[in-house]
């Protein structure tokens, strides 16, 4: 069997087909990863059409992981949106289909996003407080909690926490 890493490429999203793939991954990954973390009613209202519309509305700074022609993951990056960290970069989203877990797809997406944020000394991510899988991934990548948190209302309240990584230059 061919090594999965050989067939997956990480690239900038350039086509509508790739943005549609991002929309599919966004919706599917939320529904796969967030059961038990986010209210099921919220997850059940998510649609590929809505997440694809968002991908088309905000196509900039989007990376996709493709296995041949299929988008299997994506990341979105840019300057921090946090007022208290205006000089930081942010990985705003990173999602991988569950069938591609443990195949270094998320790691490769993070590597590319961080490399594109090379002008920043600090990179931030926001993560659901109860998303242990993602928190473990970010810890392995060198992110640590900095104490910041927010509450989102997704039918019921859910807490997100900020993690930061200092970049050695």
N, C-alpha and C. Protein backbone atom coordinates (compact mmCIF):
# COMPACT_ATOMS: atom_id res chain seq x y z
N UNK A 1 0.85 -1.19 0.00
CA UNK A 1 0.00 0.00 0.00
C UNK A 1 0.89 1.24 0.00
N UNK A 2 0.49 2.20 -0.78
CA UNK A 2 1.23 3.45 -0.88
C UNK A 2 1.12 4.22 0.43
N UNK A 3 2.21 4.81 0.87
CA UNK A 3 2.21 5.63 2.08
C UNK A 3 1.28 6.82 1.85
N UNK A 4 0.36 7.02 2.79
CA UNK A 4 -0.64 8.09 2.66
C UNK A 4 0.01 9.46 2.50
N UNK A 5 1.16 9.67 3.15
CA UNK A 5 1.83 10.97 3.06
C UNK A 5 2.26 11.26 1.63
N UNK A 6 2.53 10.21 0.85
CA UNK A 6 2.96 10.42 -0.53
C UNK A 6 1.84 10.96 -1.41
N UNK A 7 0.59 10.65 -1.07
CA UNK A 7 -0.51 11.07 -1.93
C UNK A 7 -1.14 12.40 -1.50
N UNK A 8 -0.79 12.90 -0.33
CA UNK A 8 -1.42 14.13 0.17
C UNK A 8 -0.51 15.32 -0.08
N UNK A 9 -1.09 16.36 -0.65
CA UNK A 9 -0.36 17.60 -0.84
C UNK A 9 -1.05 18.71 -0.04
N UNK A 10 -0.25 19.67 0.40
CA UNK A 10 -0.75 20.86 1.09
C UNK A 10 -0.53 22.02 0.14
N UNK A 11 -1.57 22.78 -0.13
CA UNK A 11 -1.47 23.89 -1.07
C UNK A 11 -2.46 24.98 -0.72
N UNK A 12 -2.26 26.14 -1.31
CA UNK A 12 -3.22 27.23 -1.19
C UNK A 12 -4.48 26.87 -1.95
N UNK A 13 -5.63 27.13 -1.36
CA UNK A 13 -6.90 26.93 -2.06
C UNK A 13 -6.99 27.94 -3.19
N UNK A 14 -7.17 27.43 -4.41
CA UNK A 14 -7.17 28.32 -5.57
C UNK A 14 -8.43 28.21 -6.42
N UNK A 15 -9.16 27.13 -6.29
CA UNK A 15 -10.32 26.92 -7.16
C UNK A 15 -11.60 26.84 -6.35
N UNK A 16 -12.72 27.03 -7.04
CA UNK A 16 -14.01 26.89 -6.37
C UNK A 16 -14.19 25.46 -5.87
N UNK A 17 -13.69 24.49 -6.61
CA UNK A 17 -13.77 23.09 -6.18
C UNK A 17 -13.05 22.88 -4.85
N UNK A 18 -11.89 23.52 -4.68
CA UNK A 18 -11.16 23.41 -3.43
C UNK A 18 -11.90 24.11 -2.29
N UNK A 19 -12.53 25.24 -2.56
CA UNK A 19 -13.32 25.92 -1.54
C UNK A 19 -14.57 25.10 -1.17
N UNK A 20 -15.16 24.43 -2.14
CA UNK A 20 -16.28 23.52 -1.85
C UNK A 20 -15.79 22.37 -0.97
N UNK A 21 -14.60 21.88 -1.24
CA UNK A 21 -14.00 20.83 -0.41
C UNK A 21 -13.77 21.33 1.00
N UNK A 22 -13.31 22.58 1.12
CA UNK A 22 -13.14 23.17 2.46
C UNK A 22 -14.48 23.19 3.18
N UNK A 23 -15.53 23.60 2.50
CA UNK A 23 -16.86 23.64 3.10
C UNK A 23 -17.32 22.27 3.57
N UNK A 24 -17.08 21.25 2.75
CA UNK A 24 -17.45 19.89 3.13
C UNK A 24 -16.67 19.44 4.37
N UNK A 25 -15.35 19.68 4.37
CA UNK A 25 -14.53 19.27 5.51
C UNK A 25 -14.95 20.02 6.76
N UNK A 26 -15.23 21.32 6.63
CA UNK A 26 -15.62 22.13 7.78
C UNK A 26 -16.86 21.53 8.45
N UNK A 27 -17.90 21.30 7.69
CA UNK A 27 -19.15 20.77 8.23
C UNK A 27 -18.94 19.36 8.79
N UNK A 28 -18.32 18.50 8.01
CA UNK A 28 -18.14 17.11 8.41
C UNK A 28 -17.25 16.99 9.64
N UNK A 29 -16.15 17.74 9.66
CA UNK A 29 -15.22 17.66 10.79
C UNK A 29 -15.87 18.15 12.08
N UNK A 30 -16.67 19.21 12.00
CA UNK A 30 -17.39 19.66 13.20
C UNK A 30 -18.31 18.55 13.71
N UNK A 31 -19.05 17.95 12.80
CA UNK A 31 -20.00 16.92 13.21
C UNK A 31 -19.28 15.67 13.73
N UNK A 32 -18.10 15.37 13.21
CA UNK A 32 -17.33 14.22 13.68
C UNK A 32 -16.64 14.50 15.01
N UNK A 33 -16.06 15.68 15.16
CA UNK A 33 -15.17 15.95 16.30
C UNK A 33 -15.88 16.54 17.51
N UNK A 34 -17.00 17.20 17.32
CA UNK A 34 -17.55 17.99 18.41
C UNK A 34 -18.79 17.41 19.08
N UNK A 35 -19.20 16.18 18.73
CA UNK A 35 -20.30 15.53 19.46
C UNK A 35 -19.86 15.36 20.90
N UNK A 36 -20.70 15.79 21.83
CA UNK A 36 -20.35 15.71 23.23
C UNK A 36 -19.61 16.94 23.74
N UNK A 37 -19.20 17.81 22.81
CA UNK A 37 -18.52 19.06 23.18
C UNK A 37 -19.45 20.24 22.91
N UNK A 38 -20.08 20.23 21.74
CA UNK A 38 -21.02 21.25 21.30
C UNK A 38 -22.41 20.61 21.27
N UNK A 39 -23.41 21.38 21.59
CA UNK A 39 -24.79 20.89 21.59
C UNK A 39 -25.13 20.23 20.25
N UNK A 40 -25.69 19.02 20.32
CA UNK A 40 -26.03 18.27 19.10
C UNK A 40 -27.01 19.02 18.21
N UNK A 41 -27.91 19.79 18.80
CA UNK A 41 -28.85 20.55 17.97
C UNK A 41 -28.10 21.55 17.09
N UNK A 42 -27.06 22.16 17.64
CA UNK A 42 -26.24 23.09 16.84
C UNK A 42 -25.57 22.33 15.69
N UNK A 43 -24.96 21.21 16.02
CA UNK A 43 -24.26 20.42 15.00
C UNK A 43 -25.21 19.93 13.92
N UNK A 44 -26.42 19.55 14.32
CA UNK A 44 -27.40 19.03 13.36
C UNK A 44 -27.94 20.11 12.43
N UNK A 45 -27.77 21.39 12.80
CA UNK A 45 -28.23 22.47 11.91
C UNK A 45 -27.15 22.88 10.91
N UNK A 46 -25.92 22.41 11.12
CA UNK A 46 -24.84 22.76 10.19
C UNK A 46 -25.10 22.10 8.83
N UNK A 47 -24.79 22.84 7.77
CA UNK A 47 -24.94 22.28 6.43
C UNK A 47 -23.68 22.54 5.63
N UNK A 48 -23.41 21.66 4.70
CA UNK A 48 -22.29 21.85 3.79
C UNK A 48 -22.50 23.12 2.98
N UNK A 49 -23.74 23.42 2.62
CA UNK A 49 -24.04 24.63 1.84
C UNK A 49 -23.60 25.88 2.62
N UNK A 50 -23.90 25.92 3.90
CA UNK A 50 -23.55 27.09 4.71
C UNK A 50 -22.04 27.21 4.90
N UNK A 51 -21.37 26.11 5.16
CA UNK A 51 -19.92 26.19 5.36
C UNK A 51 -19.20 26.44 4.04
N UNK A 52 -19.77 25.98 2.95
CA UNK A 52 -19.19 26.29 1.63
C UNK A 52 -19.38 27.77 1.30
N UNK A 53 -20.53 28.32 1.63
CA UNK A 53 -20.76 29.75 1.41
C UNK A 53 -19.74 30.56 2.20
N UNK A 54 -19.46 30.15 3.43
CA UNK A 54 -18.46 30.85 4.25
C UNK A 54 -17.07 30.72 3.62
N UNK A 55 -16.74 29.55 3.13
CA UNK A 55 -15.44 29.35 2.47
C UNK A 55 -15.31 30.26 1.25
N UNK A 56 -16.38 30.40 0.51
CA UNK A 56 -16.36 31.27 -0.67
C UNK A 56 -16.29 32.75 -0.27
N UNK A 57 -16.93 33.10 0.85
CA UNK A 57 -16.93 34.49 1.31
C UNK A 57 -15.56 34.90 1.85
N UNK A 58 -14.84 33.95 2.44
CA UNK A 58 -13.54 34.23 3.05
C UNK A 58 -12.49 33.25 2.51
N UNK A 59 -12.13 33.36 1.23
CA UNK A 59 -11.20 32.39 0.65
C UNK A 59 -9.73 32.65 0.97
N UNK A 60 -9.42 33.87 1.42
CA UNK A 60 -8.02 34.24 1.62
C UNK A 60 -7.38 33.43 2.73
N UNK A 61 -6.08 33.22 2.60
CA UNK A 61 -5.27 32.54 3.61
C UNK A 61 -5.80 31.14 3.95
N UNK A 62 -6.30 30.45 2.94
CA UNK A 62 -6.80 29.09 3.13
C UNK A 62 -5.85 28.10 2.50
N UNK A 63 -5.44 27.12 3.31
CA UNK A 63 -4.66 25.99 2.82
C UNK A 63 -5.56 24.77 2.77
N UNK A 64 -5.36 23.92 1.78
CA UNK A 64 -6.09 22.67 1.73
C UNK A 64 -5.12 21.51 1.68
N UNK A 65 -5.53 20.41 2.30
CA UNK A 65 -4.82 19.14 2.19
C UNK A 65 -5.63 18.30 1.22
N UNK A 66 -4.98 17.85 0.16
CA UNK A 66 -5.68 17.08 -0.86
C UNK A 66 -5.06 15.69 -1.00
N UNK A 67 -5.93 14.71 -1.03
CA UNK A 67 -5.55 13.33 -1.33
C UNK A 67 -6.04 13.09 -2.75
N UNK A 68 -5.12 13.19 -3.69
CA UNK A 68 -5.47 13.24 -5.11
C UNK A 68 -6.38 14.43 -5.32
N UNK A 69 -7.63 14.25 -5.75
CA UNK A 69 -8.51 15.39 -6.01
C UNK A 69 -9.43 15.71 -4.84
N UNK A 70 -9.37 14.95 -3.76
CA UNK A 70 -10.28 15.12 -2.63
C UNK A 70 -9.65 15.99 -1.55
N UNK A 71 -10.36 17.05 -1.15
CA UNK A 71 -9.92 17.87 -0.02
C UNK A 71 -10.25 17.08 1.25
N UNK A 72 -9.22 16.83 2.07
CA UNK A 72 -9.38 16.03 3.29
C UNK A 72 -9.09 16.83 4.56
N UNK A 73 -8.65 18.07 4.38
CA UNK A 73 -8.37 18.94 5.51
C UNK A 73 -8.14 20.35 5.02
N UNK A 74 -8.18 21.29 5.95
CA UNK A 74 -7.86 22.68 5.59
C UNK A 74 -7.41 23.43 6.83
N UNK A 75 -6.74 24.54 6.60
CA UNK A 75 -6.34 25.47 7.66
C UNK A 75 -6.54 26.88 7.13
N UNK A 76 -6.88 27.78 8.04
CA UNK A 76 -7.01 29.20 7.73
C UNK A 76 -6.13 29.94 8.73
N UNK A 77 -5.36 30.90 8.24
CA UNK A 77 -4.39 31.61 9.07
C UNK A 77 -4.42 33.09 8.73
N UNK A 78 -3.84 33.90 9.61
CA UNK A 78 -3.75 35.33 9.35
C UNK A 78 -3.30 36.06 10.60
N UNK A 79 -3.40 37.38 10.59
CA UNK A 79 -3.05 38.13 11.79
C UNK A 79 -4.06 37.85 12.91
N UNK A 80 -3.61 37.96 14.14
CA UNK A 80 -4.48 37.75 15.29
C UNK A 80 -5.66 38.72 15.25
N UNK A 81 -6.81 38.21 15.66
CA UNK A 81 -8.01 39.04 15.78
C UNK A 81 -8.20 39.54 17.20
N UNK A 82 -7.28 39.15 18.10
CA UNK A 82 -7.41 39.50 19.51
C UNK A 82 -6.77 40.86 19.79
N UNK A 83 -7.53 41.74 20.42
CA UNK A 83 -7.05 43.09 20.70
C UNK A 83 -5.83 43.08 21.61
N UNK A 84 -5.73 42.10 22.52
CA UNK A 84 -4.61 42.08 23.46
C UNK A 84 -3.35 41.45 22.85
N UNK A 85 -3.45 40.88 21.67
CA UNK A 85 -2.28 40.32 20.97
C UNK A 85 -2.28 40.77 19.51
N UNK A 86 -2.20 42.08 19.28
CA UNK A 86 -2.30 42.58 17.90
C UNK A 86 -1.10 42.23 17.04
N UNK A 87 0.03 41.89 17.65
CA UNK A 87 1.24 41.58 16.88
C UNK A 87 1.50 40.08 16.78
N UNK A 88 0.44 39.29 16.93
CA UNK A 88 0.56 37.83 16.83
C UNK A 88 -0.09 37.35 15.53
N UNK A 89 0.29 36.17 15.12
CA UNK A 89 -0.39 35.48 14.04
C UNK A 89 -1.40 34.52 14.63
N UNK A 90 -2.34 34.07 13.82
CA UNK A 90 -3.38 33.17 14.33
C UNK A 90 -3.67 32.08 13.31
N UNK A 91 -3.76 30.86 13.78
CA UNK A 91 -4.33 29.78 12.99
C UNK A 91 -5.79 29.72 13.42
N UNK A 92 -6.64 30.27 12.57
CA UNK A 92 -8.04 30.48 12.88
C UNK A 92 -8.84 29.19 12.79
N UNK A 93 -8.42 28.28 11.95
CA UNK A 93 -9.13 27.01 11.77
C UNK A 93 -8.15 25.97 11.25
N UNK A 94 -8.32 24.76 11.73
CA UNK A 94 -7.57 23.62 11.19
C UNK A 94 -8.44 22.39 11.43
N UNK A 95 -8.85 21.76 10.34
CA UNK A 95 -9.76 20.62 10.40
C UNK A 95 -9.31 19.54 9.43
N UNK A 96 -9.48 18.30 9.87
CA UNK A 96 -9.13 17.13 9.06
C UNK A 96 -10.25 16.12 9.21
N UNK A 97 -10.63 15.49 8.12
CA UNK A 97 -11.64 14.42 8.20
C UNK A 97 -11.13 13.30 9.09
N UNK A 98 -12.01 12.70 9.87
CA UNK A 98 -11.60 11.69 10.85
C UNK A 98 -10.90 10.50 10.22
N UNK A 99 -11.25 10.15 9.00
CA UNK A 99 -10.59 9.01 8.35
C UNK A 99 -9.11 9.30 8.06
N UNK A 100 -8.70 10.56 8.21
CA UNK A 100 -7.30 10.95 7.99
C UNK A 100 -6.58 11.30 9.29
N UNK A 101 -7.23 11.07 10.43
CA UNK A 101 -6.56 11.27 11.72
C UNK A 101 -5.33 10.37 11.79
N UNK A 102 -4.35 10.79 12.55
CA UNK A 102 -3.13 10.02 12.81
C UNK A 102 -2.31 9.75 11.55
N UNK A 103 -2.45 10.61 10.58
CA UNK A 103 -1.67 10.47 9.35
C UNK A 103 -0.84 11.72 9.06
N UNK A 104 -0.68 12.57 10.07
CA UNK A 104 0.15 13.78 10.00
C UNK A 104 -0.42 14.86 9.09
N UNK A 105 -1.69 14.76 8.69
CA UNK A 105 -2.28 15.78 7.83
C UNK A 105 -2.40 17.10 8.59
N UNK A 106 -2.91 17.06 9.82
CA UNK A 106 -3.03 18.27 10.62
C UNK A 106 -1.67 18.89 10.90
N UNK A 107 -0.70 18.04 11.19
CA UNK A 107 0.67 18.51 11.45
C UNK A 107 1.23 19.22 10.21
N UNK A 108 1.02 18.65 9.06
CA UNK A 108 1.53 19.27 7.83
C UNK A 108 0.80 20.58 7.52
N UNK A 109 -0.51 20.62 7.76
CA UNK A 109 -1.24 21.88 7.59
C UNK A 109 -0.72 22.94 8.56
N UNK A 110 -0.49 22.54 9.82
CA UNK A 110 0.02 23.49 10.83
C UNK A 110 1.41 23.98 10.43
N UNK A 111 2.27 23.08 9.98
CA UNK A 111 3.61 23.49 9.54
C UNK A 111 3.52 24.57 8.47
N UNK A 112 2.66 24.36 7.49
CA UNK A 112 2.55 25.32 6.39
C UNK A 112 1.95 26.64 6.87
N UNK A 113 0.93 26.57 7.71
CA UNK A 113 0.32 27.80 8.24
C UNK A 113 1.33 28.59 9.05
N UNK A 114 2.06 27.92 9.94
CA UNK A 114 3.06 28.60 10.77
C UNK A 114 4.15 29.20 9.89
N UNK A 115 4.56 28.48 8.85
CA UNK A 115 5.60 29.03 7.97
C UNK A 115 5.11 30.29 7.25
N UNK A 116 3.83 30.36 6.96
CA UNK A 116 3.27 31.55 6.31
C UNK A 116 3.03 32.69 7.29
N UNK A 117 3.14 32.39 8.57
CA UNK A 117 3.02 33.41 9.61
C UNK A 117 4.40 33.76 10.18
N UNK A 118 5.44 33.56 9.40
CA UNK A 118 6.82 33.68 9.88
C UNK A 118 7.19 35.08 10.34
N UNK A 119 6.40 36.09 9.98
CA UNK A 119 6.70 37.45 10.42
C UNK A 119 6.35 37.66 11.89
N UNK A 120 5.63 36.72 12.50
CA UNK A 120 5.16 36.87 13.88
C UNK A 120 6.03 36.08 14.85
N UNK A 121 6.22 36.65 16.05
CA UNK A 121 6.94 35.97 17.13
C UNK A 121 6.03 35.07 17.95
N UNK A 122 4.72 35.31 17.86
CA UNK A 122 3.73 34.56 18.62
C UNK A 122 2.62 34.12 17.68
N UNK A 123 2.20 32.86 17.84
CA UNK A 123 1.07 32.32 17.08
C UNK A 123 0.03 31.88 18.10
N UNK A 124 -1.24 32.16 17.82
CA UNK A 124 -2.32 31.75 18.72
C UNK A 124 -3.30 30.83 18.02
N UNK A 125 -3.98 30.03 18.83
CA UNK A 125 -5.12 29.22 18.39
C UNK A 125 -6.17 29.30 19.49
N UNK A 126 -7.42 29.17 19.12
CA UNK A 126 -8.52 29.05 20.05
C UNK A 126 -9.08 27.64 19.90
N UNK A 127 -9.42 27.01 21.03
CA UNK A 127 -9.86 25.62 21.00
C UNK A 127 -10.97 25.43 22.04
N UNK A 128 -11.92 24.55 21.74
CA UNK A 128 -12.93 24.22 22.73
C UNK A 128 -12.26 23.63 23.96
N UNK A 129 -12.63 24.11 25.12
CA UNK A 129 -12.03 23.70 26.39
C UNK A 129 -12.07 22.17 26.59
N UNK A 130 -13.09 21.53 26.07
CA UNK A 130 -13.24 20.08 26.26
C UNK A 130 -12.76 19.26 25.07
N UNK A 131 -12.09 19.89 24.12
CA UNK A 131 -11.61 19.17 22.93
C UNK A 131 -10.20 18.63 23.20
N UNK A 132 -10.15 17.53 23.93
CA UNK A 132 -8.87 16.97 24.35
C UNK A 132 -7.98 16.57 23.18
N UNK A 133 -8.58 16.04 22.12
CA UNK A 133 -7.78 15.63 20.96
C UNK A 133 -7.02 16.83 20.37
N UNK A 134 -7.73 17.94 20.17
CA UNK A 134 -7.09 19.13 19.61
C UNK A 134 -6.09 19.74 20.59
N UNK A 135 -6.44 19.78 21.86
CA UNK A 135 -5.52 20.33 22.86
C UNK A 135 -4.23 19.52 22.88
N UNK A 136 -4.34 18.21 22.84
CA UNK A 136 -3.14 17.36 22.79
C UNK A 136 -2.31 17.63 21.55
N UNK A 137 -2.98 17.81 20.40
CA UNK A 137 -2.28 18.14 19.15
C UNK A 137 -1.52 19.46 19.31
N UNK A 138 -2.19 20.48 19.83
CA UNK A 138 -1.53 21.79 19.99
C UNK A 138 -0.39 21.72 21.00
N UNK A 139 -0.57 20.99 22.08
CA UNK A 139 0.52 20.82 23.05
C UNK A 139 1.74 20.18 22.39
N UNK A 140 1.52 19.14 21.62
CA UNK A 140 2.63 18.48 20.93
C UNK A 140 3.34 19.43 19.98
N UNK A 141 2.58 20.37 19.45
CA UNK A 141 3.14 21.34 18.51
C UNK A 141 3.83 22.50 19.24
N UNK A 142 3.70 22.57 20.57
CA UNK A 142 4.38 23.61 21.34
C UNK A 142 3.50 24.73 21.84
N UNK A 143 2.19 24.62 21.68
CA UNK A 143 1.27 25.63 22.19
C UNK A 143 1.00 25.37 23.66
N UNK A 144 0.80 26.46 24.42
CA UNK A 144 0.46 26.38 25.83
C UNK A 144 -0.70 27.33 26.12
N UNK A 145 -1.50 26.99 27.11
CA UNK A 145 -2.59 27.88 27.52
C UNK A 145 -2.02 29.18 28.07
N UNK A 146 -2.70 30.28 27.77
CA UNK A 146 -2.25 31.56 28.33
C UNK A 146 -3.28 32.17 29.28
N UNK A 147 -4.35 31.45 29.57
CA UNK A 147 -5.34 31.91 30.53
C UNK A 147 -6.54 32.63 29.92
N UNK A 148 -6.46 33.00 28.66
CA UNK A 148 -7.59 33.70 28.02
C UNK A 148 -8.68 32.69 27.67
N UNK A 149 -9.92 33.11 27.83
CA UNK A 149 -11.04 32.26 27.43
C UNK A 149 -12.23 33.12 27.06
N UNK A 150 -13.15 32.54 26.30
CA UNK A 150 -14.38 33.19 25.86
C UNK A 150 -15.50 32.16 25.95
N UNK A 151 -16.70 32.66 25.99
CA UNK A 151 -17.84 31.76 25.96
C UNK A 151 -18.63 32.02 24.69
N UNK A 152 -18.94 30.96 23.96
CA UNK A 152 -19.79 31.02 22.78
C UNK A 152 -21.13 30.39 23.12
N UNK A 153 -22.16 30.92 22.52
CA UNK A 153 -23.48 30.32 22.70
C UNK A 153 -23.81 29.56 21.41
N UNK A 154 -23.73 28.24 21.49
CA UNK A 154 -24.08 27.37 20.38
C UNK A 154 -25.23 26.49 20.87
N UNK A 155 -26.41 27.08 20.94
CA UNK A 155 -27.61 26.59 21.61
C UNK A 155 -27.39 26.66 23.12
N UNK A 156 -26.33 26.04 23.62
CA UNK A 156 -25.94 26.14 25.03
C UNK A 156 -24.53 26.72 25.08
N UNK A 157 -24.13 27.27 26.21
CA UNK A 157 -22.79 27.88 26.30
C UNK A 157 -21.69 26.83 26.17
N UNK A 158 -20.61 27.22 25.53
CA UNK A 158 -19.41 26.39 25.43
C UNK A 158 -18.20 27.33 25.56
N UNK A 159 -17.19 26.87 26.26
CA UNK A 159 -16.01 27.70 26.51
C UNK A 159 -14.90 27.36 25.52
N UNK A 160 -14.29 28.41 24.97
CA UNK A 160 -13.09 28.24 24.16
C UNK A 160 -11.93 28.88 24.91
N UNK A 161 -10.77 28.29 24.77
CA UNK A 161 -9.58 28.76 25.46
C UNK A 161 -8.48 29.04 24.44
N UNK A 162 -7.63 29.99 24.78
CA UNK A 162 -6.56 30.39 23.86
C UNK A 162 -5.27 29.67 24.26
N UNK A 163 -4.55 29.26 23.23
CA UNK A 163 -3.23 28.68 23.40
C UNK A 163 -2.27 29.49 22.55
N UNK A 164 -1.04 29.66 23.02
CA UNK A 164 -0.05 30.44 22.29
C UNK A 164 1.24 29.64 22.13
N UNK A 165 1.95 30.00 21.10
CA UNK A 165 3.27 29.42 20.84
C UNK A 165 4.21 30.56 20.52
N UNK A 166 5.30 30.63 21.24
CA UNK A 166 6.34 31.61 20.95
C UNK A 166 7.27 30.99 19.89
N UNK A 167 7.59 31.77 18.90
CA UNK A 167 8.44 31.29 17.80
C UNK A 167 9.85 31.76 18.03
N UNK A 168 10.79 30.82 18.06
CA UNK A 168 12.20 31.16 18.16
C UNK A 168 12.69 31.61 16.80
N UNK A 169 13.29 32.77 16.77
CA UNK A 169 13.78 33.29 15.48
C UNK A 169 15.28 33.24 15.42
